[in-house]
Amino acid sequence: MTETEPLAAETIERAREQAAGAKRVVVKAGTNSLTDDDSNLDDAKLDKLVDDVVDLLEHDKEAILVSSGAIGAGQGRVESETDTVEASQALSTVGQSHLMRRYTESFERYDRKVAQILVTQADLDDPERFTNFHNTIETLLDWGVVPIVNENDAIAIEEIQIGDNDMLSSSIAVGIDADLLVTLTDVDGVYTGNPKDDPEAQKIEAVGTNYGAIQQIVQQSSSDGFGGITTKVEGARSVNEHGSPAVIAGSAEPNVLERIAEGEPVGTIFLPVNGAYDD
C-alpha cells in the first residue's frame, strides 16, 4: 500500500468493531458544537449533545464528557471581545457556571447526574494531581455520575491559545485507559481541504498507515484558517499510539454516538497503532 492509497475495507471494519465495543468512552465537544454564530450557548445543540451521550450510557458504556464552550458562553452573556488572554480567562468564569447549569438541566431530563472537573494540562502531567483526578473520575463513574471536564481557563493560558481542549481530551483518554476517543466538531470528519471553502474537498474515511500523508494534507489546510483540525488529528493519533481507536465526527450528525456504538461508518476513524491494523 502506498502512503496515499485508502486503507483496506476489512481493516477499517475491524477498527469500527473495536470502537463499537468500547466500554469507556471520552467524548470531546468543541465550542462550535455548543454555541451559535453570536457566541451564545445554543440550547438545542447542547441538548442534542446530551441526548447523544445518554445514548452511550444506554448502551452500557461509561462516558466522560470533555466540554469546551465556557469562553463562548461567557462572551454571549457579557458581550465582550476576547481580544486578550485576560479577557478570555475572565469570560470563562462567567460562562462556566452557565454552561454547567445548562448541562445539569439537560441531563436531568434523563434523571442523570453530572459533576464538574476543571483541570489544566499541568494537572495531568503532575503524578500526584493526576492520581487524584483519576481517582475522582473512577468514583464518579462508580456512582453513575457523568464527569464533565473542562480546562481551567481562569488560570490556564496554553489551552486558550492552542487546541480548544483537543490535546487535553486525548491526554485524559490515555490517562484513564479509555477504549475510545470521539471528538465532535462542526465538520463531519477530516477532509482533504477545508470543506467550508473548498467544494472539491473529500472526506477521509480512515487514518492509519496513511497518517503521514493525512498529516501533510491537514497542515496545508490549516494554513487556510482551518487550523482547528490539526490538534484534533494529533490528539486522535496520540490515543491510537496507546492502542485505542478514535473518531472525529460532526456533532450535528443524527444519533452520532449511538451509530458509532453500533459500528456504523461515521466521520473519520483513526486506527490503533498496535500492528493489528497494518495492511
Protein backbone atom coordinates (compact mmCIF):
# COMPACT_ATOMS: atom_id res chain seq x y z
CA MET A 1 0.00 0.00 0.00
CA THR A 2 1.40 3.40 -0.94
CA GLU A 3 1.15 6.27 1.51
CA THR A 4 -1.77 7.92 -0.26
CA GLU A 5 -3.86 4.83 -1.02
CA PRO A 6 -7.02 4.26 1.05
CA LEU A 7 -6.95 1.63 3.74
CA ALA A 8 -8.46 -1.79 3.09
CA ALA A 9 -12.18 -2.09 3.83
CA GLU A 10 -11.69 -5.02 6.21
CA THR A 11 -9.07 -3.06 8.15
CA ILE A 12 -11.48 -0.17 8.62
CA GLU A 13 -14.27 -2.52 9.62
CA ARG A 14 -12.13 -4.10 12.35
CA ALA A 15 -11.46 -0.66 13.77
CA ARG A 16 -15.16 0.20 13.74
CA GLU A 17 -15.91 -3.02 15.58
CA GLN A 18 -13.31 -2.14 18.21
CA ALA A 19 -14.82 1.33 18.57
CA ALA A 20 -18.30 -0.14 18.88
CA GLY A 21 -17.09 -2.48 21.62
CA ALA A 22 -15.53 0.30 23.67
CA LYS A 23 -16.57 0.21 27.31
CA ARG A 24 -15.12 3.57 28.40
CA VAL A 25 -15.55 6.49 26.00
CA VAL A 26 -14.20 10.03 26.21
CA VAL A 27 -16.36 12.45 24.21
CA LYS A 28 -14.89 15.85 23.41
CA ALA A 29 -17.24 18.63 22.25
CA GLY A 30 -15.81 21.84 20.82
CA THR A 31 -17.06 25.37 21.23
CA ASN A 32 -18.72 25.49 17.81
CA SER A 33 -20.68 22.38 18.71
CA LEU A 34 -22.24 24.21 21.65
CA THR A 35 -22.65 27.86 20.63
CA ASP A 36 -24.43 29.78 17.88
CA ASP A 37 -22.99 32.28 15.41
CA ASP A 38 -23.24 35.05 18.02
CA SER A 39 -21.28 33.02 20.62
CA ASN A 40 -24.37 32.40 22.73
CA LEU A 41 -24.75 28.98 24.25
CA ASP A 42 -27.13 27.14 21.91
CA ASP A 43 -29.70 25.17 23.92
CA ALA A 44 -30.64 22.93 21.00
CA LYS A 45 -27.02 21.99 20.32
CA LEU A 46 -26.31 21.30 23.98
CA ASP A 47 -29.47 19.19 24.37
CA LYS A 48 -28.53 17.15 21.30
CA LEU A 49 -25.06 16.52 22.71
CA VAL A 50 -26.60 15.33 25.96
CA ASP A 51 -29.01 13.11 24.00
CA ASP A 52 -26.04 11.55 22.23
CA VAL A 53 -24.06 10.99 25.43
CA VAL A 54 -27.08 9.35 27.05
CA ASP A 55 -27.25 7.02 24.03
CA LEU A 56 -23.81 5.76 25.06
CA LEU A 57 -24.92 5.31 28.67
CA GLU A 58 -27.93 3.33 27.49
CA HIS A 59 -25.54 1.08 25.55
CA ASP A 60 -24.00 0.21 28.96
CA LYS A 61 -20.90 2.33 28.38
CA GLU A 62 -19.06 4.75 30.64
CA ALA A 63 -18.93 8.28 29.25
CA ILE A 64 -16.62 11.11 30.21
CA LEU A 65 -17.51 14.41 28.52
CA VAL A 66 -14.72 16.90 27.83
CA SER A 67 -16.54 20.12 27.05
CA SER A 68 -15.29 23.38 25.62
CA GLY A 69 -17.62 26.36 25.36
CA ALA A 70 -17.09 28.31 28.60
CA ILE A 71 -15.43 31.28 26.92
CA GLY A 72 -18.03 31.33 24.15
CA ALA A 73 -20.87 31.07 26.65
CA GLY A 74 -19.37 33.89 28.67
CA GLN A 75 -18.95 36.09 25.64
CA GLY A 76 -22.60 35.60 24.77
CA ARG A 77 -23.64 36.80 28.23
CA VAL A 78 -21.18 39.64 28.81
CA GLU A 79 -20.94 40.73 25.15
CA SER A 80 -17.25 41.50 25.46
CA GLU A 81 -14.49 40.95 22.92
CA THR A 82 -11.92 38.21 23.56
CA ASP A 83 -9.04 40.32 22.29
CA THR A 84 -6.72 39.48 25.20
CA VAL A 85 -5.90 36.35 27.15
CA GLU A 86 -7.03 38.11 30.33
CA ALA A 87 -10.45 38.82 28.81
CA SER A 88 -10.81 35.21 27.70
CA GLN A 89 -9.93 34.00 31.18
CA ALA A 90 -12.48 36.30 32.78
CA LEU A 91 -15.17 35.37 30.26
CA SER A 92 -14.59 31.69 31.01
CA THR A 93 -15.52 32.26 34.66
CA VAL A 94 -18.82 33.81 33.58
CA GLY A 95 -19.54 31.13 31.02
CA GLN A 96 -18.52 28.06 33.01
CA SER A 97 -21.28 28.39 35.60
CA HIS A 98 -23.84 28.99 32.85
CA LEU A 99 -22.54 26.01 30.89
CA MET A 100 -22.77 23.67 33.86
CA ARG A 101 -26.23 24.92 34.80
CA ARG A 102 -27.43 24.01 31.32
CA TYR A 103 -25.71 20.63 31.40
CA THR A 104 -27.31 19.88 34.76
CA GLU A 105 -30.76 20.81 33.45
CA SER A 106 -30.33 18.85 30.24
CA PHE A 107 -29.09 15.64 31.86
CA GLU A 108 -31.92 15.88 34.40
CA ARG A 109 -34.31 15.15 31.51
CA TYR A 110 -32.94 11.61 31.77
CA ASP A 111 -32.62 11.58 35.57
CA ARG A 112 -28.83 11.66 35.17
CA LYS A 113 -26.44 13.48 37.48
CA VAL A 114 -23.31 15.31 36.37
CA ALA A 115 -20.12 16.55 38.02
CA GLN A 116 -17.78 19.37 37.03
CA ILE A 117 -14.00 18.94 36.96
CA LEU A 118 -11.70 21.78 35.89
CA VAL A 119 -8.12 20.85 35.01
CA THR A 120 -5.09 22.06 33.10
CA GLN A 121 -2.51 20.05 31.22
CA ALA A 122 -0.15 20.69 34.14
CA ASP A 123 -2.59 18.86 36.43
CA LEU A 124 -2.47 15.83 34.16
CA ASP A 125 1.31 15.95 33.91
CA ASP A 126 1.84 16.05 37.69
CA PRO A 127 1.72 12.44 39.00
CA GLU A 128 0.12 13.24 42.36
CA ARG A 129 -2.52 15.58 40.95
CA PHE A 130 -3.28 13.20 38.11
CA THR A 131 -3.76 10.33 40.59
CA ASN A 132 -6.31 12.48 42.44
CA PHE A 133 -8.03 13.34 39.15
CA HIS A 134 -8.10 9.68 38.10
CA ASN A 135 -9.49 8.55 41.45
CA THR A 136 -12.24 11.16 41.24
CA ILE A 137 -13.19 10.03 37.73
CA GLU A 138 -13.34 6.38 38.83
CA THR A 139 -15.50 7.22 41.86
CA LEU A 140 -17.94 9.30 39.80
CA LEU A 141 -18.28 6.54 37.23
CA ASP A 142 -18.90 4.02 40.02
CA TRP A 143 -21.69 6.29 41.26
CA GLY A 144 -23.23 6.55 37.80
CA VAL A 145 -22.43 10.27 37.59
CA VAL A 146 -21.29 11.74 34.26
CA PRO A 147 -17.99 13.62 34.68
CA ILE A 148 -17.85 16.84 32.65
CA VAL A 149 -14.29 18.06 32.29
CA ASN A 150 -13.18 21.45 31.03
CA GLU A 151 -9.86 23.25 31.02
CA ASN A 152 -9.44 25.65 33.92
CA ASP A 153 -9.29 28.73 31.71
CA ALA A 154 -9.17 31.12 34.67
CA ILE A 155 -5.59 30.04 35.37
CA ALA A 156 -4.56 28.35 32.12
CA ILE A 157 -3.11 30.07 29.08
CA GLU A 158 -1.85 27.37 26.72
CA GLU A 159 -5.23 25.66 26.40
CA ILE A 160 -6.82 29.01 25.49
CA GLN A 161 -4.25 29.75 22.83
CA ILE A 162 -3.85 26.29 21.32
CA GLY A 163 -6.08 23.28 20.94
CA ASP A 164 -9.53 24.10 22.33
CA ASN A 165 -9.32 21.08 24.67
CA ASP A 166 -8.20 18.72 21.88
CA MET A 167 -4.89 17.68 23.41
CA LEU A 168 -6.39 17.80 26.91
CA SER A 169 -9.07 15.28 25.90
CA SER A 170 -6.51 12.93 24.37
CA SER A 171 -4.34 13.11 27.50
CA ILE A 172 -7.37 12.27 29.61
CA ALA A 173 -8.36 9.39 27.34
CA VAL A 174 -4.87 7.89 27.57
CA GLY A 175 -4.52 8.53 31.30
CA ILE A 176 -7.80 6.90 32.36
CA ASP A 177 -7.43 3.98 29.93
CA ALA A 178 -10.38 4.93 27.75
CA ASP A 179 -11.23 2.49 24.96
CA LEU A 180 -12.30 5.22 22.53
CA LEU A 181 -11.98 8.96 21.99
CA VAL A 182 -14.71 10.71 20.00
CA THR A 183 -14.07 14.32 19.02
CA LEU A 184 -17.24 16.11 17.96
CA THR A 185 -16.88 19.21 15.83
CA ASP A 186 -18.85 21.35 13.39
CA VAL A 187 -17.33 19.45 10.45
CA ASP A 188 -18.30 15.80 9.96
CA GLY A 189 -14.78 14.39 9.74
CA VAL A 190 -11.33 15.08 8.33
CA TYR A 191 -11.26 16.36 4.75
CA THR A 192 -8.65 16.79 2.03
CA GLY A 193 -9.23 20.55 2.35
CA ASN A 194 -11.45 22.98 4.18
CA PRO A 195 -14.97 21.83 3.20
CA LYS A 196 -16.38 25.21 4.18
CA ASP A 197 -14.35 26.87 1.42
CA ASP A 198 -13.41 24.08 -0.99
CA PRO A 199 -16.28 22.27 -2.75
CA GLU A 200 -13.78 19.73 -4.06
CA ALA A 201 -12.68 18.65 -0.58
CA GLN A 202 -13.39 14.99 0.13
CA LYS A 203 -13.91 13.33 3.48
CA ILE A 204 -11.19 10.90 4.56
CA GLU A 205 -12.80 7.69 5.75
CA ALA A 206 -9.98 6.32 7.87
CA VAL A 207 -6.49 7.18 9.08
CA GLY A 208 -3.91 4.53 9.88
CA THR A 209 -0.73 3.70 7.99
CA ASN A 210 -1.56 6.67 5.76
CA TYR A 211 -1.14 9.06 8.70
CA GLY A 212 1.90 10.81 7.22
CA ALA A 213 0.02 11.78 4.07
CA ILE A 214 -3.06 12.85 6.03
CA GLN A 215 -0.95 14.95 8.38
CA GLN A 216 0.51 16.83 5.40
CA ILE A 217 -2.96 17.44 3.99
CA VAL A 218 -4.23 18.75 7.32
CA GLN A 219 -1.25 21.04 7.79
CA GLN A 220 -1.79 22.52 4.33
CA SER A 221 -5.48 23.01 5.05
CA SER A 222 -4.74 24.66 8.40
CA SER A 223 -2.77 27.40 6.67
CA ASP A 224 -6.08 28.50 5.17
CA GLY A 225 -7.63 29.21 8.56
CA PHE A 226 -8.66 25.62 9.22
CA GLY A 227 -6.12 25.14 11.99
CA GLY A 228 -8.55 23.65 14.50
CA ILE A 229 -8.39 20.28 12.77
CA THR A 230 -4.63 19.97 13.33
CA THR A 231 -4.82 19.45 17.09
CA LYS A 232 -7.83 17.15 16.68
CA VAL A 233 -5.83 14.90 14.36
CA GLU A 234 -2.81 15.00 16.67
CA GLY A 235 -5.00 14.15 19.66
CA ALA A 236 -6.58 11.21 17.85
CA ARG A 237 -3.17 9.90 16.86
CA SER A 238 -1.93 10.14 20.45
CA VAL A 239 -4.78 7.87 21.54
CA ASN A 240 -4.02 5.49 18.65
CA GLU A 241 -0.43 5.14 19.86
CA HIS A 242 -1.82 3.75 23.11
CA GLY A 243 -3.85 1.08 21.32
CA SER A 244 -7.31 2.65 21.14
CA PRO A 245 -9.30 3.93 18.15
CA ALA A 246 -10.50 7.49 17.82
CA VAL A 247 -13.22 9.15 15.74
CA ILE A 248 -13.61 12.73 14.55
CA ALA A 249 -17.24 13.32 13.63
CA GLY A 250 -19.86 16.01 13.22
CA SER A 251 -21.79 16.99 16.32
CA ALA A 252 -24.85 17.75 14.17
CA GLU A 253 -24.98 14.25 12.70
CA PRO A 254 -28.13 12.38 13.80
CA ASN A 255 -27.54 9.92 16.66
CA VAL A 256 -23.82 10.27 16.09
CA LEU A 257 -22.60 8.45 19.22
CA GLU A 258 -25.20 5.72 19.01
CA ARG A 259 -24.16 4.99 15.42
CA ILE A 260 -20.52 4.74 16.46
CA ALA A 261 -21.56 2.38 19.28
CA GLU A 262 -23.31 0.24 16.68
CA GLY A 263 -20.30 0.08 14.36
CA GLU A 264 -21.69 2.28 11.60
CA PRO A 265 -19.49 4.43 9.34
CA VAL A 266 -19.38 7.85 10.99
CA GLY A 267 -16.90 10.67 10.44
CA THR A 268 -13.23 9.75 10.16
CA ILE A 269 -11.94 6.82 12.18
CA PHE A 270 -8.32 6.65 13.38
CA LEU A 271 -6.91 3.15 13.69
CA PRO A 272 -4.88 1.99 16.71
CA VAL A 273 -1.13 1.75 16.20
CA ASN A 274 -0.60 -1.74 17.54
CA GLY A 275 0.21 -3.82 14.44
CA ALA A 276 -3.24 -5.38 14.15
CA TYR A 277 -4.37 -2.89 11.53
CA ASP A 278 -1.30 -2.79 9.29
CA ASP A 279 -2.01 -3.84 5.70
